[in-house]
Amino acid sequence: MTPITIPYQALRALWLLEQNNFPAYIVGGSLRDALLGIPPHDWDVTTPARPEQMMDIFTAAGYPTIPTGMAHGTVTVLIDHTPIECTTY
């Protein structure tokens, strides 16, 4: 299997969630594309954190958040202009 490179922006999102006691995982189309060798246009993360909690965590770290799909538990955080879509599982 070819190793994939996860950009630091996605790793930063994972780290921030983990530091706030929320496990977090790369999932979805971004992971699929990376495994296929196709550069993802954004990265998808899942966590048990609720959207409001995610927004608080990322805002406190200085990153803008977009309430992309609050009804579905999805928040987009922009880390150095890279969109990371975070969804509650």
PDB file of N, CA and C in Angstrom:
ATOM      1  N   MET A   1       0.842  -1.169   0.000  1.00  0.00           N
ATOM      2  CA  MET A   1       0.000   0.000   0.000  1.00  0.00           C
ATOM      3  C   MET A   1       0.893   1.238   0.000  1.00  0.00           C
ATOM      4  N   THR A   2       0.515   2.220  -0.783  1.00  0.00           N
ATOM      5  CA  THR A   2       1.259   3.472  -0.857  1.00  0.00           C
ATOM      6  C   THR A   2       0.884   4.344   0.333  1.00  0.00           C
ATOM      7  N   PRO A   3       1.885   4.851   1.059  1.00  0.00           N
ATOM      8  CA  PRO A   3       1.545   5.735   2.180  1.00  0.00           C
ATOM      9  C   PRO A   3       0.941   7.043   1.673  1.00  0.00           C
ATOM     10  N   ILE A   4       0.084   7.628   2.481  1.00  0.00           N
ATOM     11  CA  ILE A   4      -0.513   8.910   2.115  1.00  0.00           C
ATOM     12  C   ILE A   4       0.038   9.994   3.041  1.00  0.00           C
ATOM     13  N   THR A   5       0.011  11.206   2.562  1.00  0.00           N
ATOM     14  CA  THR A   5       0.447  12.337   3.359  1.00  0.00           C
ATOM     15  C   THR A   5      -0.780  13.151   3.762  1.00  0.00           C
ATOM     16  N   ILE A   6      -0.957  13.297   5.048  1.00  0.00           N
ATOM     17  CA  ILE A   6      -2.052  14.116   5.559  1.00  0.00           C
ATOM     18  C   ILE A   6      -1.452  15.485   5.867  1.00  0.00           C
ATOM     19  N   PRO A   7      -2.013  16.552   5.313  1.00  0.00           N
ATOM     20  CA  PRO A   7      -1.427  17.874   5.522  1.00  0.00           C
ATOM     21  C   PRO A   7      -1.499  18.300   6.988  1.00  0.00           C
ATOM     22  N   TYR A   8      -0.567  19.157   7.362  1.00  0.00           N
ATOM     23  CA  TYR A   8      -0.505  19.594   8.755  1.00  0.00           C
ATOM     24  C   TYR A   8      -1.795  20.263   9.203  1.00  0.00           C
ATOM     25  N   GLN A   9      -2.545  20.891   8.287  1.00  0.00           N
ATOM     26  CA  GLN A   9      -3.790  21.552   8.677  1.00  0.00           C
ATOM     27  C   GLN A   9      -4.800  20.536   9.222  1.00  0.00           C
ATOM     28  N   ALA A  10      -4.906  19.385   8.546  1.00  0.00           N
ATOM     29  CA  ALA A  10      -5.813  18.330   9.022  1.00  0.00           C
ATOM     30  C   ALA A  10      -5.294  17.743  10.329  1.00  0.00           C
ATOM     31  N   LEU A  11      -3.981  17.556  10.410  1.00  0.00           N
ATOM     32  CA  LEU A  11      -3.401  17.040  11.644  1.00  0.00           C
ATOM     33  C   LEU A  11      -3.606  18.023  12.797  1.00  0.00           C
ATOM     34  N   ARG A  12      -3.549  19.312  12.497  1.00  0.00           N
ATOM     35  CA  ARG A  12      -3.783  20.336  13.525  1.00  0.00           C
ATOM     36  C   ARG A  12      -5.216  20.239  14.045  1.00  0.00           C
ATOM     37  N   ALA A  13      -6.179  20.042  13.153  1.00  0.00           N
ATOM     38  CA  ALA A  13      -7.573  19.887  13.575  1.00  0.00           C
ATOM     39  C   ALA A  13      -7.720  18.671  14.485  1.00  0.00           C
ATOM     40  N   LEU A  14      -7.111  17.553  14.083  1.00  0.00           N
ATOM     41  CA  LEU A  14      -7.166  16.347  14.913  1.00  0.00           C
ATOM     42  C   LEU A  14      -6.560  16.623  16.285  1.00  0.00           C
ATOM     43  N   TRP A  15      -5.391  17.277  16.284  1.00  0.00           N
ATOM     44  CA  TRP A  15      -4.675  17.546  17.530  1.00  0.00           C
ATOM     45  C   TRP A  15      -5.506  18.429  18.458  1.00  0.00           C
ATOM     46  N   LEU A  16      -6.101  19.502  17.908  1.00  0.00           N
ATOM     47  CA  LEU A  16      -6.901  20.404  18.741  1.00  0.00           C
ATOM     48  C   LEU A  16      -8.090  19.679  19.370  1.00  0.00           C
ATOM     49  N   LEU A  17      -8.755  18.850  18.593  1.00  0.00           N
ATOM     50  CA  LEU A  17      -9.883  18.093  19.136  1.00  0.00           C
ATOM     51  C   LEU A  17      -9.413  17.123  20.215  1.00  0.00           C
ATOM     52  N   GLU A  18      -8.321  16.409  19.937  1.00  0.00           N
ATOM     53  CA  GLU A  18      -7.782  15.450  20.905  1.00  0.00           C
ATOM     54  C   GLU A  18      -7.351  16.153  22.191  1.00  0.00           C
ATOM     55  N   GLN A  19      -6.747  17.334  22.076  1.00  0.00           N
ATOM     56  CA  GLN A  19      -6.314  18.093  23.254  1.00  0.00           C
ATOM     57  C   GLN A  19      -7.495  18.529  24.114  1.00  0.00           C
ATOM     58  N   ASN A  20      -8.665  18.554  23.509  1.00  0.00           N
ATOM     59  CA  ASN A  20      -9.880  18.907  24.232  1.00  0.00           C
ATOM     60  C   ASN A  20     -10.715  17.677  24.572  1.00  0.00           C
ATOM     61  N   ASN A  21     -10.040  16.530  24.584  1.00  0.00           N
ATOM     62  CA  ASN A  21     -10.643  15.247  24.998  1.00  0.00           C
ATOM     63  C   ASN A  21     -11.719  14.716  24.057  1.00  0.00           C
ATOM     64  N   PHE A  22     -11.590  15.053  22.764  1.00  0.00           N
ATOM     65  CA  PHE A  22     -12.496  14.506  21.763  1.00  0.00           C
ATOM     66  C   PHE A  22     -11.676  13.707  20.757  1.00  0.00           C
ATOM     67  N   PRO A  23     -11.846  12.374  20.702  1.00  0.00           N
ATOM     68  CA  PRO A  23     -11.141  11.626  19.672  1.00  0.00           C
ATOM     69  C   PRO A  23     -11.573  12.136  18.294  1.00  0.00           C
ATOM     70  N   ALA A  24     -10.671  12.048  17.331  1.00  0.00           N
ATOM     71  CA  ALA A  24     -10.978  12.559  15.995  1.00  0.00           C
ATOM     72  C   ALA A  24     -10.263  11.694  14.954  1.00  0.00           C
ATOM     73  N   TYR A  25     -10.905  11.522  13.815  1.00  0.00           N
ATOM     74  CA  TYR A  25     -10.405  10.632  12.767  1.00  0.00           C
ATOM     75  C   TYR A  25     -10.608  11.252  11.388  1.00  0.00           C
ATOM     76  N   ILE A  26      -9.665  11.009  10.478  1.00  0.00           N
ATOM     77  CA  ILE A  26      -9.819  11.373   9.065  1.00  0.00           C
ATOM     78  C   ILE A  26     -10.746  10.335   8.443  1.00  0.00           C
ATOM     79  N   VAL A  27     -11.745  10.799   7.691  1.00  0.00           N
ATOM     80  CA  VAL A  27     -12.747   9.895   7.107  1.00  0.00           C
ATOM     81  C   VAL A  27     -13.203  10.407   5.742  1.00  0.00           C
ATOM     82  N   GLY A  28     -14.118   9.680   5.152  1.00  0.00           N
ATOM     83  CA  GLY A  28     -14.866  10.150   3.992  1.00  0.00           C
ATOM     84  C   GLY A  28     -14.102  10.216   2.688  1.00  0.00           C
ATOM     85  N   GLY A  29     -14.625  11.093   1.830  1.00  0.00           N
ATOM     86  CA  GLY A  29     -14.092  11.228   0.480  1.00  0.00           C
ATOM     87  C   GLY A  29     -12.648  11.674   0.445  1.00  0.00           C
ATOM     88  N   SER A  30     -12.235  12.470   1.431  1.00  0.00           N
ATOM     89  CA  SER A  30     -10.839  12.918   1.442  1.00  0.00           C
ATOM     90  C   SER A  30      -9.899  11.737   1.651  1.00  0.00           C
ATOM     91  N   LEU A  31     -10.249  10.846   2.545  1.00  0.00           N
ATOM     92  CA  LEU A  31      -9.426   9.669   2.796  1.00  0.00           C
ATOM     93  C   LEU A  31      -9.426   8.751   1.575  1.00  0.00           C
ATOM     94  N   ARG A  32     -10.606   8.547   0.993  1.00  0.00           N
ATOM     95  CA  ARG A  32     -10.711   7.727  -0.214  1.00  0.00           C
ATOM     96  C   ARG A  32      -9.832   8.288  -1.325  1.00  0.00           C
ATOM     97  N   ASP A  33      -9.963   9.597  -1.581  1.00  0.00           N
ATOM     98  CA  ASP A  33      -9.170  10.214  -2.643  1.00  0.00           C
ATOM     99  C   ASP A  33      -7.676  10.084  -2.375  1.00  0.00           C
ATOM    100  N   ALA A  34      -7.269  10.340  -1.138  1.00  0.00           N
ATOM    101  CA  ALA A  34      -5.848  10.237  -0.800  1.00  0.00           C
ATOM    102  C   ALA A  34      -5.335   8.821  -1.044  1.00  0.00           C
ATOM    103  N   LEU A  35      -6.128   7.823  -0.681  1.00  0.00           N
ATOM    104  CA  LEU A  35      -5.716   6.430  -0.901  1.00  0.00           C
ATOM    105  C   LEU A  35      -5.639   6.094  -2.391  1.00  0.00           C
ATOM    106  N   LEU A  36      -6.446   6.780  -3.202  1.00  0.00           N
ATOM    107  CA  LEU A  36      -6.421   6.561  -4.651  1.00  0.00           C
ATOM    108  C   LEU A  36      -5.362   7.404  -5.361  1.00  0.00           C
ATOM    109  N   GLY A  37      -4.654   8.243  -4.592  1.00  0.00           N
ATOM    110  CA  GLY A  37      -3.632   9.098  -5.187  1.00  0.00           C
ATOM    111  C   GLY A  37      -4.180  10.377  -5.792  1.00  0.00           C
ATOM    112  N   ILE A  38      -5.430  10.711  -5.478  1.00  0.00           N
ATOM    113  CA  ILE A  38      -6.074  11.936  -5.970  1.00  0.00           C
ATOM    114  C   ILE A  38      -5.990  12.981  -4.858  1.00  0.00           C
ATOM    115  N   PRO A  39      -5.446  14.161  -5.123  1.00  0.00           N
ATOM    116  CA  PRO A  39      -5.369  15.175  -4.062  1.00  0.00           C
ATOM    117  C   PRO A  39      -6.765  15.624  -3.611  1.00  0.00           C
ATOM    118  N   PRO A  40      -7.085  15.478  -2.334  1.00  0.00           N
ATOM    119  CA  PRO A  40      -8.392  15.921  -1.839  1.00  0.00           C
ATOM    120  C   PRO A  40      -8.517  17.444  -1.914  1.00  0.00           C
ATOM    121  N   HIS A  41      -9.724  17.944  -2.181  1.00  0.00           N
ATOM    122  CA  HIS A  41      -9.929  19.392  -2.210  1.00  0.00           C
ATOM    123  C   HIS A  41     -10.212  19.935  -0.812  1.00  0.00           C
ATOM    124  N   ASP A  42     -10.599  19.055   0.101  1.00  0.00           N
ATOM    125  CA  ASP A  42     -10.725  19.395   1.510  1.00  0.00           C
ATOM    126  C   ASP A  42     -10.500  18.104   2.292  1.00  0.00           C
ATOM    127  N   TRP A  43     -10.495  18.199   3.603  1.00  0.00           N
ATOM    128  CA  TRP A  43     -10.302  17.021   4.440  1.00  0.00           C
ATOM    129  C   TRP A  43     -11.494  16.879   5.357  1.00  0.00           C
ATOM    130  N   ASP A  44     -11.887  15.629   5.603  1.00  0.00           N
ATOM    131  CA  ASP A  44     -13.055  15.323   6.423  1.00  0.00           C
ATOM    132  C   ASP A  44     -12.604  14.680   7.732  1.00  0.00           C
ATOM    133  N   VAL A  45     -13.163  15.162   8.829  1.00  0.00           N
ATOM    134  CA  VAL A  45     -12.839  14.663  10.160  1.00  0.00           C
ATOM    135  C   VAL A  45     -14.141  14.319  10.857  1.00  0.00           C
ATOM    136  N   THR A  46     -14.126  13.266  11.666  1.00  0.00           N
ATOM    137  CA  THR A  46     -15.282  12.953  12.504  1.00  0.00           C
ATOM    138  C   THR A  46     -14.829  12.900  13.955  1.00  0.00           C
ATOM    139  N   THR A  47     -15.742  13.265  14.837  1.00  0.00           N
ATOM    140  CA  THR A  47     -15.455  13.380  16.266  1.00  0.00           C
ATOM    141  C   THR A  47     -16.773  13.310  17.028  1.00  0.00           C
ATOM    142  N   PRO A  48     -16.737  12.967  18.321  1.00  0.00           N
ATOM    143  CA  PRO A  48     -17.979  13.032  19.096  1.00  0.00           C
ATOM    144  C   PRO A  48     -18.334  14.455  19.550  1.00  0.00           C
ATOM    145  N   ALA A  49     -17.443  15.417  19.340  1.00  0.00           N
ATOM    146  CA  ALA A  49     -17.730  16.799  19.741  1.00  0.00           C
ATOM    147  C   ALA A  49     -18.942  17.326  18.978  1.00  0.00           C
ATOM    148  N   ARG A  50     -19.795  18.064  19.678  1.00  0.00           N
ATOM    149  CA  ARG A  50     -20.941  18.709  19.037  1.00  0.00           C
ATOM    150  C   ARG A  50     -20.450  19.925  18.252  1.00  0.00           C
ATOM    151  N   PRO A  51     -21.213  20.364  17.258  1.00  0.00           N
ATOM    152  CA  PRO A  51     -20.779  21.503  16.442  1.00  0.00           C
ATOM    153  C   PRO A  51     -20.397  22.735  17.262  1.00  0.00           C
ATOM    154  N   GLU A  52     -21.185  23.038  18.281  1.00  0.00           N
ATOM    155  CA  GLU A  52     -20.900  24.213  19.112  1.00  0.00           C
ATOM    156  C   GLU A  52     -19.557  24.057  19.820  1.00  0.00           C
ATOM    157  N   GLN A  53     -19.262  22.835  20.270  1.00  0.00           N
ATOM    158  CA  GLN A  53     -17.984  22.575  20.932  1.00  0.00           C
ATOM    159  C   GLN A  53     -16.828  22.726  19.948  1.00  0.00           C
ATOM    160  N   MET A  54     -17.011  22.200  18.737  1.00  0.00           N
ATOM    161  CA  MET A  54     -15.964  22.336  17.722  1.00  0.00           C
ATOM    162  C   MET A  54     -15.700  23.809  17.419  1.00  0.00           C
ATOM    163  N   MET A  55     -16.771  24.577  17.262  1.00  0.00           N
ATOM    164  CA  MET A  55     -16.603  26.000  16.959  1.00  0.00           C
ATOM    165  C   MET A  55     -15.865  26.707  18.088  1.00  0.00           C
ATOM    166  N   ASP A  56     -16.177  26.373  19.332  1.00  0.00           N
ATOM    167  CA  ASP A  56     -15.486  26.970  20.475  1.00  0.00           C
ATOM    168  C   ASP A  56     -13.993  26.614  20.464  1.00  0.00           C
ATOM    169  N   ILE A  57     -13.684  25.352  20.205  1.00  0.00           N
ATOM    170  CA  ILE A  57     -12.295  24.887  20.205  1.00  0.00           C
ATOM    171  C   ILE A  57     -11.489  25.592  19.121  1.00  0.00           C
ATOM    172  N   PHE A  58     -12.011  25.601  17.903  1.00  0.00           N
ATOM    173  CA  PHE A  58     -11.249  26.178  16.789  1.00  0.00           C
ATOM    174  C   PHE A  58     -11.172  27.699  16.880  1.00  0.00           C
ATOM    175  N   THR A  59     -12.249  28.330  17.317  1.00  0.00           N
ATOM    176  CA  THR A  59     -12.237  29.785  17.467  1.00  0.00           C
ATOM    177  C   THR A  59     -11.220  30.196  18.535  1.00  0.00           C
ATOM    178  N   ALA A  60     -11.180  29.464  19.640  1.00  0.00           N
ATOM    179  CA  ALA A  60     -10.222  29.763  20.709  1.00  0.00           C
ATOM    180  C   ALA A  60      -8.778  29.616  20.224  1.00  0.00           C
ATOM    181  N   ALA A  61      -8.567  28.737  19.246  1.00  0.00           N
ATOM    182  CA  ALA A  61      -7.230  28.542  18.685  1.00  0.00           C
ATOM    183  C   ALA A  61      -6.911  29.564  17.586  1.00  0.00           C
ATOM    184  N   GLY A  62      -7.892  30.428  17.265  1.00  0.00           N
ATOM    185  CA  GLY A  62      -7.664  31.482  16.285  1.00  0.00           C
ATOM    186  C   GLY A  62      -8.011  31.122  14.855  1.00  0.00           C
ATOM    187  N   TYR A  63      -8.782  30.057  14.666  1.00  0.00           N
ATOM    188  CA  TYR A  63      -9.151  29.640  13.318  1.00  0.00           C
ATOM    189  C   TYR A  63     -10.611  29.974  13.036  1.00  0.00           C
ATOM    190  N   PRO A  64     -10.908  30.539  11.855  1.00  0.00           N
ATOM    191  CA  PRO A  64     -12.297  30.826  11.518  1.00  0.00           C
ATOM    192  C   PRO A  64     -13.100  29.546  11.295  1.00  0.00           C
ATOM    193  N   THR A  65     -14.357  29.592  11.692  1.00  0.00           N
ATOM    194  CA  THR A  65     -15.249  28.450  11.492  1.00  0.00           C
ATOM    195  C   THR A  65     -16.462  28.896  10.694  1.00  0.00           C
ATOM    196  N   ILE A  66     -17.018  27.938   9.963  1.00  0.00           N
ATOM    197  CA  ILE A  66     -18.206  28.184   9.152  1.00  0.00           C
ATOM    198  C   ILE A  66     -19.232  27.122   9.548  1.00  0.00           C
ATOM    199  N   PRO A  67     -20.429  27.515   9.972  1.00  0.00           N
ATOM    200  CA  PRO A  67     -21.450  26.526  10.338  1.00  0.00           C
ATOM    201  C   PRO A  67     -22.051  25.890   9.081  1.00  0.00           C
ATOM    202  N   THR A  68     -21.294  25.032   8.461  1.00  0.00           N
ATOM    203  CA  THR A  68     -21.630  24.458   7.161  1.00  0.00           C
ATOM    204  C   THR A  68     -22.958  23.707   7.157  1.00  0.00           C
ATOM    205  N   GLY A  69     -23.148  22.861   8.138  1.00  0.00           N
ATOM    206  CA  GLY A  69     -24.360  22.047   8.206  1.00  0.00           C
ATOM    207  C   GLY A  69     -24.663  21.687   9.642  1.00  0.00           C
ATOM    208  N   MET A  70     -24.983  22.685  10.423  1.00  0.00           N
ATOM    209  CA  MET A  70     -25.198  22.482  11.851  1.00  0.00           C
ATOM    210  C   MET A  70     -26.262  21.411  12.126  1.00  0.00           C
ATOM    211  N   ALA A  71     -27.282  21.342  11.294  1.00  0.00           N
ATOM    212  CA  ALA A  71     -28.334  20.341  11.491  1.00  0.00           C
ATOM    213  C   ALA A  71     -27.791  18.925  11.347  1.00  0.00           C
ATOM    214  N   HIS A  72     -26.709  18.781  10.604  1.00  0.00           N
ATOM    215  CA  HIS A  72     -26.085  17.468  10.394  1.00  0.00           C
ATOM    216  C   HIS A  72     -24.822  17.320  11.229  1.00  0.00           C
ATOM    217  N   GLY A  73     -24.506  18.338  12.050  1.00  0.00           N
ATOM    218  CA  GLY A  73     -23.341  18.265  12.913  1.00  0.00           C
ATOM    219  C   GLY A  73     -22.042  18.655  12.252  1.00  0.00           C
ATOM    220  N   THR A  74     -22.101  19.408  11.145  1.00  0.00           N
ATOM    221  CA  THR A  74     -20.896  19.726  10.386  1.00  0.00           C
ATOM    222  C   THR A  74     -20.501  21.190  10.520  1.00  0.00           C
ATOM    223  N   VAL A  75     -19.212  21.362  10.819  1.00  0.00           N
ATOM    224  CA  VAL A  75     -18.587  22.675  10.902  1.00  0.00           C
ATOM    225  C   VAL A  75     -17.345  22.630  10.021  1.00  0.00           C
ATOM    226  N   THR A  76     -17.109  23.682   9.262  1.00  0.00           N
ATOM    227  CA  THR A  76     -15.872  23.778   8.487  1.00  0.00           C
ATOM    228  C   THR A  76     -14.951  24.742   9.213  1.00  0.00           C
ATOM    229  N   VAL A  77     -13.721  24.297   9.430  1.00  0.00           N
ATOM    230  CA  VAL A  77     -12.705  25.164  10.020  1.00  0.00           C
ATOM    231  C   VAL A  77     -11.669  25.448   8.942  1.00  0.00           C
ATOM    232  N   LEU A  78     -11.230  26.685   8.866  1.00  0.00           N
ATOM    233  CA  LEU A  78     -10.191  27.067   7.909  1.00  0.00           C
ATOM    234  C   LEU A  78      -8.876  27.190   8.654  1.00  0.00           C
ATOM    235  N   ILE A  79      -7.989  26.273   8.373  1.00  0.00           N
ATOM    236  CA  ILE A  79      -6.658  26.303   8.982  1.00  0.00           C
ATOM    237  C   ILE A  79      -5.684  26.647   7.873  1.00  0.00           C
ATOM    238  N   ASP A  80      -5.157  27.853   7.944  1.00  0.00           N
ATOM    239  CA  ASP A  80      -4.257  28.370   6.904  1.00  0.00           C
ATOM    240  C   ASP A  80      -4.863  28.189   5.515  1.00  0.00           C
ATOM    241  N   HIS A  81      -6.112  28.605   5.376  1.00  0.00           N
ATOM    242  CA  HIS A  81      -6.865  28.608   4.114  1.00  0.00           C
ATOM    243  C   HIS A  81      -7.229  27.211   3.603  1.00  0.00           C
ATOM    244  N   THR A  82      -6.993  26.184   4.400  1.00  0.00           N
ATOM    245  CA  THR A  82      -7.380  24.822   4.015  1.00  0.00           C
ATOM    246  C   THR A  82      -8.657  24.453   4.756  1.00  0.00           C
ATOM    247  N   PRO A  83      -9.738  24.120   4.016  1.00  0.00           N
ATOM    248  CA  PRO A  83     -10.983  23.752   4.693  1.00  0.00           C
ATOM    249  C   PRO A  83     -10.919  22.328   5.256  1.00  0.00           C
ATOM    250  N   ILE A  84     -11.284  22.223   6.530  1.00  0.00           N
ATOM    251  CA  ILE A  84     -11.382  20.920   7.191  1.00  0.00           C
ATOM    252  C   ILE A  84     -12.834  20.806   7.642  1.00  0.00           C
ATOM    253  N   GLU A  85     -13.558  19.836   7.075  1.00  0.00           N
ATOM    254  CA  GLU A  85     -14.962  19.638   7.449  1.00  0.00           C
ATOM    255  C   GLU A  85     -15.034  18.653   8.601  1.00  0.00           C
ATOM    256  N   CYS A  86     -15.531  19.115   9.718  1.00  0.00           N
ATOM    257  CA  CYS A  86     -15.612  18.310  10.933  1.00  0.00           C
ATOM    258  C   CYS A  86     -17.076  18.009  11.235  1.00  0.00           C
ATOM    259  N   THR A  87     -17.368  16.724  11.416  1.00  0.00           N
ATOM    260  CA  THR A  87     -18.759  16.298  11.637  1.00  0.00           C
ATOM    261  C   THR A  87     -18.849  15.414  12.864  1.00  0.00           C
ATOM    262  N   THR A  88     -19.879  15.654  13.652  1.00  0.00           N
ATOM    263  CA  THR A  88     -20.147  14.834  14.816  1.00  0.00           C
ATOM    264  C   THR A  88     -20.566  13.437  14.375  1.00  0.00           C
ATOM    265  N   TYR A  89     -20.021  12.401  15.034  1.00  0.00           N
ATOM    266  CA  TYR A  89     -20.494  11.046  14.708  1.00  0.00           C
ATOM    267  C   TYR A  89     -21.519  10.574  15.687  1.00  0.00           C
TER     268      TYR A  89
END
